[in-house]
Amino acid sequence: MDAKNQSTEADAKPQADVPAEAASAAATPPQAAEGTAAEGAGVGKVAVAAAEVGAGAQAQAEAQPGYPPPPSEGLFRGTGRRKSAVARVRLIPGEGTIKINKRAVDDYFTEPQEQAAVCEPLIATNTAGHWNVLVSVRGGGHSGQAGAIRLGVARALVKADSRYEPALRQAGYLTRDSRRVERKKYGLRKARRRFQFSKR
């Protein structure tokens, strides 16, 4: 009996001296260990793929030519028309002031979409805040005047540098909108609206 007890104690002592990490590794089945290794490899592959995508996007952004900075001096003119409105635009390198008939754009146009239309060509070419825009506009209403100013600003930017043209052309800012109010026809109440029919 004493010999058996001694052998049991001797077998138990090496197990107690074994580190916890080694014991857990020994307790882990081979299939679970392979799964953990595969998961680690998968995470590594995802990280590498994400890094490659980020590097590719950065390289593409670096390869794409940026828009040229505005010149330090000069005056560039553009004329825009929409409906019966005519806008004459002057671009001068500056800090981004926009004046319409000697009034600030926020004071002249009250609708947000009309205020945004004036700045759209500058935003499309990444030059907002680099040009002073001086506009003289006559005729039409606020909607027609905003469209005329947008066309005039886009044309003036192309005169300043022709490299702006692809972005402006793609956005449609260099296209003259030829739509106008349709004329009234005789026998009708408006262009196409008929008079109300009364049976008696």
C-alpha atoms as a PDB file:
ATOM      1  CA  MET A   1       0.000   0.000   0.000  1.00  0.00           C
ATOM      2  CA  ASP A   2       2.832   2.411   0.828  1.00  0.00           C
ATOM      3  CA  ALA A   3       4.485   1.832  -2.552  1.00  0.00           C
ATOM      4  CA  LYS A   4       1.227   2.551  -4.362  1.00  0.00           C
ATOM      5  CA  ASN A   5       0.677   5.788  -2.411  1.00  0.00           C
ATOM      6  CA  GLN A   6       4.237   6.915  -3.141  1.00  0.00           C
ATOM      7  CA  SER A   7       3.805   6.274  -6.876  1.00  0.00           C
ATOM      8  CA  THR A   8       0.494   8.200  -6.904  1.00  0.00           C
ATOM      9  CA  GLU A   9       2.086  11.182  -5.143  1.00  0.00           C
ATOM     10  CA  ALA A  10       5.031  11.102  -7.564  1.00  0.00           C
ATOM     11  CA  ASP A  11       2.650  11.169 -10.538  1.00  0.00           C
ATOM     12  CA  ALA A  12       0.709  14.082  -9.074  1.00  0.00           C
ATOM     13  CA  LYS A  13       3.747  16.274  -8.393  1.00  0.00           C
ATOM     14  CA  PRO A  14       4.853  16.723 -12.068  1.00  0.00           C
ATOM     15  CA  GLN A  15       1.302  17.672 -13.008  1.00  0.00           C
ATOM     16  CA  ALA A  16       1.275  20.366 -10.321  1.00  0.00           C
ATOM     17  CA  ASP A  17       4.577  21.736 -11.590  1.00  0.00           C
ATOM     18  CA  VAL A  18       3.296  22.027 -15.166  1.00  0.00           C
ATOM     19  CA  PRO A  19       2.405  25.695 -16.103  1.00  0.00           C
ATOM     20  CA  ALA A  20      -1.227  26.599 -16.611  1.00  0.00           C
ATOM     21  CA  GLU A  21      -0.698  27.519 -20.307  1.00  0.00           C
ATOM     22  CA  ALA A  22       0.872  24.160 -21.071  1.00  0.00           C
ATOM     23  CA  ALA A  23      -1.896  22.401 -19.229  1.00  0.00           C
ATOM     24  CA  SER A  24      -4.573  24.252 -21.187  1.00  0.00           C
ATOM     25  CA  ALA A  25      -2.758  23.495 -24.419  1.00  0.00           C
ATOM     26  CA  ALA A  26      -2.585  19.852 -23.492  1.00  0.00           C
ATOM     27  CA  ALA A  27      -6.270  19.872 -22.602  1.00  0.00           C
ATOM     28  CA  THR A  28      -7.256  21.471 -25.961  1.00  0.00           C
ATOM     29  CA  PRO A  29      -8.195  18.889 -28.581  1.00  0.00           C
ATOM     30  CA  PRO A  30      -6.190  18.886 -31.847  1.00  0.00           C
ATOM     31  CA  GLN A  31      -9.257  19.891 -33.890  1.00  0.00           C
ATOM     32  CA  ALA A  32      -9.919  22.945 -31.655  1.00  0.00           C
ATOM     33  CA  ALA A  33      -6.270  23.994 -31.931  1.00  0.00           C
ATOM     34  CA  GLU A  34      -6.457  23.758 -35.725  1.00  0.00           C
ATOM     35  CA  GLY A  35      -9.663  25.857 -35.711  1.00  0.00           C
ATOM     36  CA  THR A  36      -8.039  28.559 -33.572  1.00  0.00           C
ATOM     37  CA  ALA A  37      -5.025  28.671 -35.879  1.00  0.00           C
ATOM     38  CA  ALA A  38      -7.306  28.918 -38.910  1.00  0.00           C
ATOM     39  CA  GLU A  39      -9.268  31.775 -37.339  1.00  0.00           C
ATOM     40  CA  GLY A  40      -6.021  33.621 -36.619  1.00  0.00           C
ATOM     41  CA  ALA A  41      -4.903  33.110 -40.202  1.00  0.00           C
ATOM     42  CA  GLY A  42      -8.299  34.353 -41.452  1.00  0.00           C
ATOM     43  CA  VAL A  43      -8.067  37.524 -39.365  1.00  0.00           C
ATOM     44  CA  GLY A  44      -4.585  38.072 -40.712  1.00  0.00           C
ATOM     45  CA  LYS A  45      -5.800  37.701 -44.299  1.00  0.00           C
ATOM     46  CA  VAL A  46      -8.633  40.184 -43.694  1.00  0.00           C
ATOM     47  CA  ALA A  47      -6.208  42.692 -42.220  1.00  0.00           C
ATOM     48  CA  VAL A  48      -3.844  42.277 -45.175  1.00  0.00           C
ATOM     49  CA  ALA A  49      -6.733  42.677 -47.654  1.00  0.00           C
ATOM     50  CA  ALA A  50      -7.950  45.817 -45.874  1.00  0.00           C
ATOM     51  CA  ALA A  51      -4.441  47.236 -45.945  1.00  0.00           C
ATOM     52  CA  GLU A  52      -4.167  46.480 -49.672  1.00  0.00           C
ATOM     53  CA  VAL A  53      -7.524  48.170 -50.368  1.00  0.00           C
ATOM     54  CA  GLY A  54      -6.502  51.233 -48.368  1.00  0.00           C
ATOM     55  CA  ALA A  55      -3.176  51.411 -50.175  1.00  0.00           C
ATOM     56  CA  GLY A  56      -4.930  51.082 -53.536  1.00  0.00           C
ATOM     57  CA  ALA A  57      -7.393  53.870 -52.736  1.00  0.00           C
ATOM     58  CA  GLN A  58      -4.568  56.096 -51.553  1.00  0.00           C
ATOM     59  CA  ALA A  59      -2.552  55.388 -54.686  1.00  0.00           C
ATOM     60  CA  GLN A  60      -5.595  56.113 -56.864  1.00  0.00           C
ATOM     61  CA  ALA A  61      -6.206  59.390 -55.057  1.00  0.00           C
ATOM     62  CA  GLU A  62      -2.555  60.337 -55.487  1.00  0.00           C
ATOM     63  CA  ALA A  63      -2.621  59.388 -59.165  1.00  0.00           C
ATOM     64  CA  GLN A  64      -5.742  61.458 -59.840  1.00  0.00           C
ATOM     65  CA  PRO A  65      -4.670  64.981 -60.760  1.00  0.00           C
ATOM     66  CA  GLY A  66      -5.920  67.661 -58.400  1.00  0.00           C
ATOM     67  CA  TYR A  67      -7.574  70.862 -59.436  1.00  0.00           C
ATOM     68  CA  PRO A  68      -5.191  73.728 -60.081  1.00  0.00           C
ATOM     69  CA  PRO A  69      -5.073  76.509 -57.505  1.00  0.00           C
ATOM     70  CA  PRO A  70      -6.607  79.808 -58.594  1.00  0.00           C
ATOM     71  CA  PRO A  71      -4.198  82.391 -59.952  1.00  0.00           C
ATOM     72  CA  SER A  72      -2.944  85.122 -57.677  1.00  0.00           C
ATOM     73  CA  GLU A  73      -4.340  87.851 -59.904  1.00  0.00           C
ATOM     74  CA  GLY A  74      -6.587  88.353 -62.895  1.00  0.00           C
ATOM     75  CA  LEU A  75     -10.215  88.934 -63.825  1.00  0.00           C
ATOM     76  CA  PHE A  76     -12.360  86.312 -65.517  1.00  0.00           C
ATOM     77  CA  ARG A  77     -15.830  86.944 -66.898  1.00  0.00           C
ATOM     78  CA  GLY A  78     -18.741  84.701 -67.721  1.00  0.00           C
ATOM     79  CA  THR A  79     -22.308  85.290 -68.879  1.00  0.00           C
ATOM     80  CA  GLY A  80     -25.157  83.014 -67.925  1.00  0.00           C
ATOM     81  CA  ARG A  81     -28.794  82.960 -69.044  1.00  0.00           C
ATOM     82  CA  ARG A  82     -31.850  81.143 -67.738  1.00  0.00           C
ATOM     83  CA  LYS A  83     -35.430  81.872 -68.824  1.00  0.00           C
ATOM     84  CA  SER A  84     -35.471  85.674 -69.137  1.00  0.00           C
ATOM     85  CA  ALA A  85     -32.659  86.311 -66.626  1.00  0.00           C
ATOM     86  CA  VAL A  86     -29.171  87.391 -67.697  1.00  0.00           C
ATOM     87  CA  ALA A  87     -26.249  87.269 -65.251  1.00  0.00           C
ATOM     88  CA  ARG A  88     -22.815  88.773 -65.855  1.00  0.00           C
ATOM     89  CA  VAL A  89     -20.236  87.232 -63.537  1.00  0.00           C
ATOM     90  CA  ARG A  90     -16.732  88.372 -62.653  1.00  0.00           C
ATOM     91  CA  LEU A  91     -14.278  86.128 -60.800  1.00  0.00           C
ATOM     92  CA  ILE A  92     -11.369  87.639 -58.885  1.00  0.00           C
ATOM     93  CA  PRO A  93      -8.938  85.648 -56.697  1.00  0.00           C
ATOM     94  CA  GLY A  94      -9.823  86.357 -53.083  1.00  0.00           C
ATOM     95  CA  GLU A  95     -11.247  85.002 -49.865  1.00  0.00           C
ATOM     96  CA  GLY A  96     -14.625  83.768 -51.160  1.00  0.00           C
ATOM     97  CA  THR A  97     -16.914  86.800 -51.031  1.00  0.00           C
ATOM     98  CA  ILE A  98     -20.043  86.564 -53.201  1.00  0.00           C
ATOM     99  CA  LYS A  99     -21.900  89.752 -54.105  1.00  0.00           C
ATOM    100  CA  ILE A 100     -25.050  89.833 -56.232  1.00  0.00           C
ATOM    101  CA  ASN A 101     -26.084  93.318 -57.341  1.00  0.00           C
ATOM    102  CA  LYS A 102     -23.845  94.668 -54.542  1.00  0.00           C
ATOM    103  CA  ARG A 103     -25.660  92.559 -51.934  1.00  0.00           C
ATOM    104  CA  ALA A 104     -24.552  89.429 -50.084  1.00  0.00           C
ATOM    105  CA  VAL A 105     -25.854  86.155 -51.498  1.00  0.00           C
ATOM    106  CA  ASP A 106     -27.694  85.339 -48.246  1.00  0.00           C
ATOM    107  CA  ASP A 107     -29.390  88.711 -48.384  1.00  0.00           C
ATOM    108  CA  TYR A 108     -30.302  88.549 -52.058  1.00  0.00           C
ATOM    109  CA  PHE A 109     -31.588  84.960 -52.205  1.00  0.00           C
ATOM    110  CA  THR A 110     -33.836  83.769 -49.386  1.00  0.00           C
ATOM    111  CA  GLU A 111     -34.327  80.163 -50.535  1.00  0.00           C
ATOM    112  CA  PRO A 112     -31.582  77.640 -49.603  1.00  0.00           C
ATOM    113  CA  GLN A 113     -31.651  75.940 -53.013  1.00  0.00           C
ATOM    114  CA  GLU A 114     -31.058  79.264 -54.766  1.00  0.00           C
ATOM    115  CA  GLN A 115     -28.161  80.114 -52.452  1.00  0.00           C
ATOM    116  CA  ALA A 116     -26.662  76.664 -53.041  1.00  0.00           C
ATOM    117  CA  ALA A 117     -27.013  76.965 -56.837  1.00  0.00           C
ATOM    118  CA  VAL A 118     -24.676  79.956 -56.885  1.00  0.00           C
ATOM    119  CA  CYS A 119     -21.912  78.017 -55.068  1.00  0.00           C
ATOM    120  CA  GLU A 120     -22.297  74.659 -56.838  1.00  0.00           C
ATOM    121  CA  PRO A 121     -19.636  75.254 -59.563  1.00  0.00           C
ATOM    122  CA  LEU A 122     -17.140  76.398 -56.914  1.00  0.00           C
ATOM    123  CA  ILE A 123     -17.823  73.328 -54.770  1.00  0.00           C
ATOM    124  CA  ALA A 124     -17.558  70.997 -57.779  1.00  0.00           C
ATOM    125  CA  THR A 125     -14.087  72.340 -58.586  1.00  0.00           C
ATOM    126  CA  ASN A 126     -12.913  72.515 -54.960  1.00  0.00           C
ATOM    127  CA  THR A 127     -12.346  76.271 -55.209  1.00  0.00           C
ATOM    128  CA  ALA A 128     -14.916  77.536 -52.710  1.00  0.00           C
ATOM    129  CA  GLY A 129     -13.307  80.224 -50.599  1.00  0.00           C
ATOM    130  CA  HIS A 130     -10.645  81.040 -53.208  1.00  0.00           C
ATOM    131  CA  TRP A 131     -12.636  83.331 -55.529  1.00  0.00           C
ATOM    132  CA  ASN A 132     -14.496  86.589 -55.049  1.00  0.00           C
ATOM    133  CA  VAL A 133     -17.663  86.436 -57.161  1.00  0.00           C
ATOM    134  CA  LEU A 134     -19.205  89.696 -58.344  1.00  0.00           C
ATOM    135  CA  VAL A 135     -22.528  89.326 -60.157  1.00  0.00           C
ATOM    136  CA  SER A 136     -24.782  91.723 -62.008  1.00  0.00           C
ATOM    137  CA  VAL A 137     -28.092  90.051 -62.839  1.00  0.00           C
ATOM    138  CA  ARG A 138     -31.206  91.432 -64.504  1.00  0.00           C
ATOM    139  CA  GLY A 139     -34.595  90.056 -65.515  1.00  0.00           C
ATOM    140  CA  GLY A 140     -36.600  87.052 -64.465  1.00  0.00           C
ATOM    141  CA  GLY A 141     -37.352  85.803 -60.988  1.00  0.00           C
ATOM    142  CA  HIS A 142     -35.111  84.421 -58.291  1.00  0.00           C
ATOM    143  CA  SER A 143     -35.167  80.884 -59.680  1.00  0.00           C
ATOM    144  CA  GLY A 144     -34.145  82.002 -63.163  1.00  0.00           C
ATOM    145  CA  GLN A 145     -31.517  84.361 -61.780  1.00  0.00           C
ATOM    146  CA  ALA A 146     -29.965  81.606 -59.656  1.00  0.00           C
ATOM    147  CA  GLY A 147     -29.688  79.336 -62.696  1.00  0.00           C
ATOM    148  CA  ALA A 148     -28.192  82.138 -64.777  1.00  0.00           C
ATOM    149  CA  ILE A 149     -25.591  82.905 -62.099  1.00  0.00           C
ATOM    150  CA  ARG A 150     -24.607  79.243 -61.831  1.00  0.00           C
ATOM    151  CA  LEU A 151     -24.008  79.047 -65.578  1.00  0.00           C
ATOM    152  CA  GLY A 152     -22.058  82.314 -65.530  1.00  0.00           C
ATOM    153  CA  VAL A 153     -19.824  81.167 -62.658  1.00  0.00           C
ATOM    154  CA  ALA A 154     -19.119  77.853 -64.411  1.00  0.00           C
ATOM    155  CA  ARG A 155     -18.180  79.593 -67.660  1.00  0.00           C
ATOM    156  CA  ALA A 156     -15.911  82.018 -65.830  1.00  0.00           C
ATOM    157  CA  LEU A 157     -14.131  79.121 -64.090  1.00  0.00           C
ATOM    158  CA  VAL A 158     -13.451  77.452 -67.447  1.00  0.00           C
ATOM    159  CA  LYS A 159     -11.961  80.705 -68.719  1.00  0.00           C
ATOM    160  CA  ALA A 160      -9.752  80.848 -65.628  1.00  0.00           C
ATOM    161  CA  ASP A 161      -8.470  77.310 -66.233  1.00  0.00           C
ATOM    162  CA  SER A 162      -9.679  74.790 -68.791  1.00  0.00           C
ATOM    163  CA  ARG A 163      -8.871  71.887 -66.436  1.00  0.00           C
ATOM    164  CA  TYR A 164     -12.074  72.696 -64.547  1.00  0.00           C
ATOM    165  CA  GLU A 165     -14.211  71.865 -67.571  1.00  0.00           C
ATOM    166  CA  PRO A 166     -14.522  68.044 -67.202  1.00  0.00           C
ATOM    167  CA  ALA A 167     -15.921  68.268 -63.671  1.00  0.00           C
ATOM    168  CA  LEU A 168     -18.269  71.116 -64.557  1.00  0.00           C
ATOM    169  CA  ARG A 169     -19.390  69.421 -67.764  1.00  0.00           C
ATOM    170  CA  GLN A 170     -20.087  66.144 -65.987  1.00  0.00           C
ATOM    171  CA  ALA A 171     -22.175  67.911 -63.325  1.00  0.00           C
ATOM    172  CA  GLY A 172     -24.160  69.727 -66.028  1.00  0.00           C
ATOM    173  CA  TYR A 173     -23.209  73.229 -64.934  1.00  0.00           C
ATOM    174  CA  LEU A 174     -22.038  74.235 -68.424  1.00  0.00           C
ATOM    175  CA  THR A 175     -25.293  73.256 -70.124  1.00  0.00           C
ATOM    176  CA  ARG A 176     -27.663  76.078 -70.994  1.00  0.00           C
ATOM    177  CA  ASP A 177     -31.158  75.240 -69.774  1.00  0.00           C
ATOM    178  CA  SER A 178     -33.379  76.214 -72.703  1.00  0.00           C
ATOM    179  CA  ARG A 179     -36.691  75.574 -70.971  1.00  0.00           C
ATOM    180  CA  ARG A 180     -39.048  78.541 -70.919  1.00  0.00           C
ATOM    181  CA  VAL A 181     -42.658  79.183 -70.016  1.00  0.00           C
ATOM    182  CA  GLU A 182     -44.889  77.797 -72.725  1.00  0.00           C
ATOM    183  CA  ARG A 183     -47.008  80.418 -74.469  1.00  0.00           C
ATOM    184  CA  LYS A 184     -50.718  80.674 -73.915  1.00  0.00           C
ATOM    185  CA  LYS A 185     -52.936  79.367 -76.709  1.00  0.00           C
ATOM    186  CA  TYR A 186     -56.167  80.924 -77.885  1.00  0.00           C
ATOM    187  CA  GLY A 187     -59.235  78.973 -76.862  1.00  0.00           C
ATOM    188  CA  LEU A 188     -57.448  77.738 -73.719  1.00  0.00           C
ATOM    189  CA  ARG A 189     -57.180  79.228 -70.284  1.00  0.00           C
ATOM    190  CA  LYS A 190     -53.366  78.798 -70.161  1.00  0.00           C
ATOM    191  CA  ALA A 191     -50.787  77.002 -72.268  1.00  0.00           C
ATOM    192  CA  ARG A 192     -52.634  73.692 -71.964  1.00  0.00           C
ATOM    193  CA  ARG A 193     -55.295  74.290 -69.323  1.00  0.00           C
ATOM    194  CA  ARG A 194     -58.786  74.340 -70.755  1.00  0.00           C
ATOM    195  CA  PHE A 195     -61.653  76.376 -69.443  1.00  0.00           C
ATOM    196  CA  GLN A 196     -63.876  74.630 -66.952  1.00  0.00           C
ATOM    197  CA  PHE A 197     -66.669  72.782 -68.697  1.00  0.00           C
ATOM    198  CA  SER A 198     -70.211  73.654 -67.658  1.00  0.00           C
ATOM    199  CA  LYS A 199     -72.944  71.385 -68.905  1.00  0.00           C
ATOM    200  CA  ARG A 200     -75.714  73.952 -68.213  1.00  0.00           C
END
